[in-house]
Amino acid sequence: MQIRHIANGQHSTPCQKRLCLNSVLIVSQALPYVALLIVLLFFIYAVIGMQVFGKVKPIDGEQINRNNNFQTFFQAVLLLFRYMQ
């Protein structure tokens, strides 16, 4: 309930607003590191997928087809991104 009041600006003091702003600034400084970690994990899993499943022959009409495979790095990253969603 109080979070909604702070977000709307009702009954909040300047100190509370400054505290919220400082919290957002501190969290936003860590976001590039989190994004870099996600990119690094994608890279590692794409390379592992290429090593393990890169030689599997794609067959149209099956789960592993010309759009869904680990034969190239770009296709591996796209496949991982597609399955993440």
N, C-alpha and C. Protein backbone atom coordinates (compact mmCIF):
# COMPACT_ATOMS: atom_id res chain seq x y z
N MET A 1 0.83 -1.19 0.00
CA MET A 1 0.00 0.00 0.00
C MET A 1 0.87 1.26 0.00
N GLN A 2 1.93 1.26 0.81
CA GLN A 2 2.78 2.43 0.89
C GLN A 2 3.60 2.62 -0.39
N ILE A 3 3.92 1.53 -1.05
CA ILE A 3 4.67 1.65 -2.30
C ILE A 3 3.85 2.41 -3.33
N ARG A 4 2.56 2.13 -3.37
CA ARG A 4 1.69 2.84 -4.31
C ARG A 4 1.63 4.33 -3.98
N HIS A 5 1.60 4.66 -2.69
CA HIS A 5 1.58 6.06 -2.28
C HIS A 5 2.88 6.76 -2.66
N ILE A 6 3.99 6.07 -2.50
CA ILE A 6 5.28 6.67 -2.86
C ILE A 6 5.36 6.84 -4.37
N ALA A 7 4.89 5.85 -5.12
CA ALA A 7 4.93 5.94 -6.58
C ALA A 7 4.04 7.06 -7.09
N ASN A 8 2.90 7.26 -6.47
CA ASN A 8 2.00 8.32 -6.89
C ASN A 8 2.42 9.68 -6.35
N GLY A 9 3.30 9.70 -5.39
CA GLY A 9 3.75 10.97 -4.82
C GLY A 9 2.86 11.46 -3.69
N GLN A 10 1.94 10.64 -3.26
CA GLN A 10 1.05 11.04 -2.19
C GLN A 10 1.71 10.76 -0.84
N HIS A 11 1.68 11.71 0.02
CA HIS A 11 2.18 11.57 1.39
C HIS A 11 3.66 11.18 1.42
N SER A 12 4.42 11.60 0.45
CA SER A 12 5.84 11.28 0.48
C SER A 12 6.63 12.56 0.72
N THR A 13 7.65 12.40 1.50
CA THR A 13 8.50 13.54 1.81
C THR A 13 9.61 13.63 0.77
N PRO A 14 10.26 14.76 0.68
CA PRO A 14 11.39 14.87 -0.26
C PRO A 14 12.49 13.85 0.04
N CYS A 15 12.63 13.47 1.29
CA CYS A 15 13.64 12.47 1.66
C CYS A 15 13.30 11.11 1.05
N GLN A 16 12.01 10.74 1.06
CA GLN A 16 11.60 9.47 0.48
C GLN A 16 11.79 9.47 -1.03
N LYS A 17 11.48 10.59 -1.68
CA LYS A 17 11.67 10.69 -3.12
C LYS A 17 13.15 10.59 -3.48
N ARG A 18 14.00 11.23 -2.71
CA ARG A 18 15.43 11.18 -2.95
C ARG A 18 15.96 9.76 -2.73
N LEU A 19 15.43 9.07 -1.73
CA LEU A 19 15.84 7.70 -1.46
C LEU A 19 15.46 6.79 -2.62
N CYS A 20 14.27 6.97 -3.15
CA CYS A 20 13.83 6.17 -4.31
C CYS A 20 14.70 6.47 -5.52
N LEU A 21 15.02 7.73 -5.75
CA LEU A 21 15.86 8.10 -6.89
C LEU A 21 17.26 7.52 -6.75
N ASN A 22 17.81 7.59 -5.56
CA ASN A 22 19.14 7.01 -5.32
C ASN A 22 19.13 5.50 -5.54
N SER A 23 18.07 4.83 -5.11
CA SER A 23 17.96 3.39 -5.31
C SER A 23 17.92 3.05 -6.79
N VAL A 24 17.16 3.80 -7.55
CA VAL A 24 17.07 3.55 -8.99
C VAL A 24 18.43 3.79 -9.65
N LEU A 25 19.14 4.81 -9.26
CA LEU A 25 20.45 5.09 -9.83
C LEU A 25 21.46 4.00 -9.49
N ILE A 26 21.43 3.49 -8.30
CA ILE A 26 22.35 2.43 -7.90
C ILE A 26 22.05 1.14 -8.68
N VAL A 27 20.78 0.82 -8.82
CA VAL A 27 20.40 -0.39 -9.56
C VAL A 27 20.74 -0.24 -11.04
N SER A 28 20.55 0.95 -11.61
CA SER A 28 20.82 1.14 -13.03
C SER A 28 22.31 1.03 -13.34
N GLN A 29 23.18 1.25 -12.38
CA GLN A 29 24.61 1.09 -12.59
C GLN A 29 25.00 -0.38 -12.76
N ALA A 30 24.21 -1.29 -12.20
CA ALA A 30 24.52 -2.71 -12.29
C ALA A 30 23.93 -3.36 -13.54
N LEU A 31 23.02 -2.69 -14.23
CA LEU A 31 22.37 -3.29 -15.40
C LEU A 31 23.33 -3.67 -16.52
N PRO A 32 24.33 -2.88 -16.86
CA PRO A 32 25.26 -3.33 -17.92
C PRO A 32 25.99 -4.63 -17.56
N TYR A 33 26.30 -4.82 -16.29
CA TYR A 33 26.98 -6.05 -15.88
C TYR A 33 26.04 -7.25 -16.00
N VAL A 34 24.78 -7.07 -15.68
CA VAL A 34 23.81 -8.15 -15.84
C VAL A 34 23.62 -8.48 -17.31
N ALA A 35 23.55 -7.47 -18.17
CA ALA A 35 23.42 -7.70 -19.61
C ALA A 35 24.66 -8.40 -20.15
N LEU A 36 25.83 -8.02 -19.69
CA LEU A 36 27.06 -8.67 -20.12
C LEU A 36 27.09 -10.14 -19.69
N LEU A 37 26.61 -10.42 -18.51
CA LEU A 37 26.54 -11.80 -18.03
C LEU A 37 25.60 -12.64 -18.89
N ILE A 38 24.46 -12.07 -19.28
CA ILE A 38 23.52 -12.79 -20.13
C ILE A 38 24.13 -13.05 -21.51
N VAL A 39 24.82 -12.06 -22.07
CA VAL A 39 25.48 -12.24 -23.37
C VAL A 39 26.56 -13.32 -23.27
N LEU A 40 27.31 -13.32 -22.19
CA LEU A 40 28.34 -14.32 -21.99
C LEU A 40 27.75 -15.73 -21.89
N LEU A 41 26.65 -15.87 -21.18
CA LEU A 41 25.98 -17.16 -21.07
C LEU A 41 25.46 -17.62 -22.43
N PHE A 42 24.88 -16.71 -23.20
CA PHE A 42 24.43 -17.05 -24.55
C PHE A 42 25.60 -17.53 -25.40
N PHE A 43 26.73 -16.84 -25.32
CA PHE A 43 27.91 -17.23 -26.09
C PHE A 43 28.36 -18.63 -25.71
N ILE A 44 28.47 -18.89 -24.41
CA ILE A 44 28.93 -20.20 -23.94
C ILE A 44 27.98 -21.30 -24.39
N TYR A 45 26.67 -21.12 -24.20
CA TYR A 45 25.71 -22.15 -24.58
C TYR A 45 25.65 -22.32 -26.10
N ALA A 46 25.84 -21.27 -26.87
CA ALA A 46 25.85 -21.39 -28.32
C ALA A 46 27.05 -22.21 -28.78
N VAL A 47 28.21 -21.96 -28.21
CA VAL A 47 29.41 -22.72 -28.58
C VAL A 47 29.26 -24.19 -28.16
N ILE A 48 28.75 -24.43 -26.97
CA ILE A 48 28.54 -25.82 -26.53
C ILE A 48 27.52 -26.50 -27.44
N GLY A 49 26.45 -25.80 -27.79
CA GLY A 49 25.45 -26.38 -28.70
C GLY A 49 26.03 -26.69 -30.06
N MET A 50 26.90 -25.82 -30.56
CA MET A 50 27.55 -26.08 -31.84
C MET A 50 28.45 -27.31 -31.76
N GLN A 51 29.14 -27.49 -30.66
CA GLN A 51 30.02 -28.64 -30.51
C GLN A 51 29.24 -29.94 -30.36
N VAL A 52 28.14 -29.90 -29.65
CA VAL A 52 27.38 -31.13 -29.38
C VAL A 52 26.41 -31.46 -30.52
N PHE A 53 25.68 -30.44 -31.03
CA PHE A 53 24.62 -30.70 -32.00
C PHE A 53 24.91 -30.13 -33.39
N GLY A 54 26.11 -29.66 -33.64
CA GLY A 54 26.42 -29.02 -34.91
C GLY A 54 26.41 -29.95 -36.10
N LYS A 55 26.65 -31.23 -35.90
CA LYS A 55 26.71 -32.20 -37.00
C LYS A 55 25.37 -32.87 -37.29
N VAL A 56 24.34 -32.56 -36.52
CA VAL A 56 23.02 -33.16 -36.74
C VAL A 56 22.44 -32.59 -38.03
N LYS A 57 22.03 -33.47 -38.93
CA LYS A 57 21.52 -33.05 -40.23
C LYS A 57 20.11 -32.48 -40.09
N PRO A 58 19.88 -31.25 -40.55
CA PRO A 58 18.52 -30.69 -40.48
C PRO A 58 17.62 -31.33 -41.53
N ILE A 59 16.40 -31.66 -41.12
CA ILE A 59 15.40 -32.25 -42.01
C ILE A 59 14.15 -31.37 -41.94
N ASP A 60 13.71 -30.87 -43.10
CA ASP A 60 12.50 -30.04 -43.12
C ASP A 60 11.30 -30.85 -42.66
N GLY A 61 10.44 -30.23 -41.88
CA GLY A 61 9.26 -30.89 -41.34
C GLY A 61 9.51 -31.52 -39.98
N GLU A 62 10.74 -31.52 -39.51
CA GLU A 62 11.09 -32.07 -38.20
C GLU A 62 11.42 -30.93 -37.24
N GLN A 63 11.74 -31.28 -36.00
CA GLN A 63 12.10 -30.26 -35.02
C GLN A 63 13.42 -29.58 -35.38
N ILE A 64 14.35 -30.36 -35.91
CA ILE A 64 15.64 -29.79 -36.33
C ILE A 64 15.57 -29.60 -37.84
N ASN A 65 15.37 -28.35 -38.26
CA ASN A 65 15.25 -28.04 -39.68
C ASN A 65 16.23 -26.94 -40.05
N ARG A 66 16.08 -26.36 -41.23
CA ARG A 66 17.07 -25.36 -41.66
C ARG A 66 17.00 -24.08 -40.85
N ASN A 67 15.93 -23.83 -40.12
CA ASN A 67 15.82 -22.64 -39.27
C ASN A 67 16.13 -22.94 -37.81
N ASN A 68 16.12 -24.20 -37.43
CA ASN A 68 16.30 -24.63 -36.04
C ASN A 68 17.49 -25.57 -35.95
N ASN A 69 18.70 -25.04 -35.88
CA ASN A 69 19.86 -25.92 -35.75
C ASN A 69 21.02 -25.16 -35.15
N PHE A 70 22.07 -25.90 -34.84
CA PHE A 70 23.27 -25.33 -34.23
C PHE A 70 24.46 -25.39 -35.19
N GLN A 71 24.23 -25.33 -36.49
CA GLN A 71 25.32 -25.47 -37.44
C GLN A 71 26.24 -24.25 -37.48
N THR A 72 25.71 -23.06 -37.33
CA THR A 72 26.54 -21.85 -37.29
C THR A 72 26.30 -21.12 -35.97
N PHE A 73 27.22 -20.24 -35.64
CA PHE A 73 27.10 -19.50 -34.38
C PHE A 73 25.86 -18.62 -34.38
N PHE A 74 25.60 -17.95 -35.49
CA PHE A 74 24.43 -17.07 -35.57
C PHE A 74 23.13 -17.85 -35.39
N GLN A 75 23.02 -19.00 -36.05
CA GLN A 75 21.82 -19.83 -35.90
C GLN A 75 21.70 -20.36 -34.48
N ALA A 76 22.82 -20.68 -33.85
CA ALA A 76 22.79 -21.18 -32.48
C ALA A 76 22.29 -20.11 -31.51
N VAL A 77 22.77 -18.88 -31.68
CA VAL A 77 22.32 -17.79 -30.80
C VAL A 77 20.84 -17.50 -31.03
N LEU A 78 20.41 -17.49 -32.29
CA LEU A 78 18.98 -17.27 -32.57
C LEU A 78 18.11 -18.36 -31.97
N LEU A 79 18.58 -19.59 -32.07
CA LEU A 79 17.82 -20.71 -31.50
C LEU A 79 17.71 -20.57 -29.98
N LEU A 80 18.80 -20.22 -29.33
CA LEU A 80 18.76 -20.04 -27.88
C LEU A 80 17.83 -18.90 -27.49
N PHE A 81 17.90 -17.80 -28.24
CA PHE A 81 17.03 -16.66 -27.95
C PHE A 81 15.57 -17.03 -28.16
N ARG A 82 15.29 -17.78 -29.22
CA ARG A 82 13.92 -18.20 -29.50
C ARG A 82 13.37 -19.09 -28.40
N TYR A 83 14.19 -19.99 -27.90
CA TYR A 83 13.69 -20.89 -26.84
C TYR A 83 13.68 -20.26 -25.47
N MET A 84 14.36 -19.13 -25.32
CA MET A 84 14.33 -18.42 -24.04
C MET A 84 12.96 -17.77 -23.82
N GLN A 85 12.32 -17.36 -24.90
CA GLN A 85 11.04 -16.66 -24.77
C GLN A 85 9.97 -17.60 -24.48
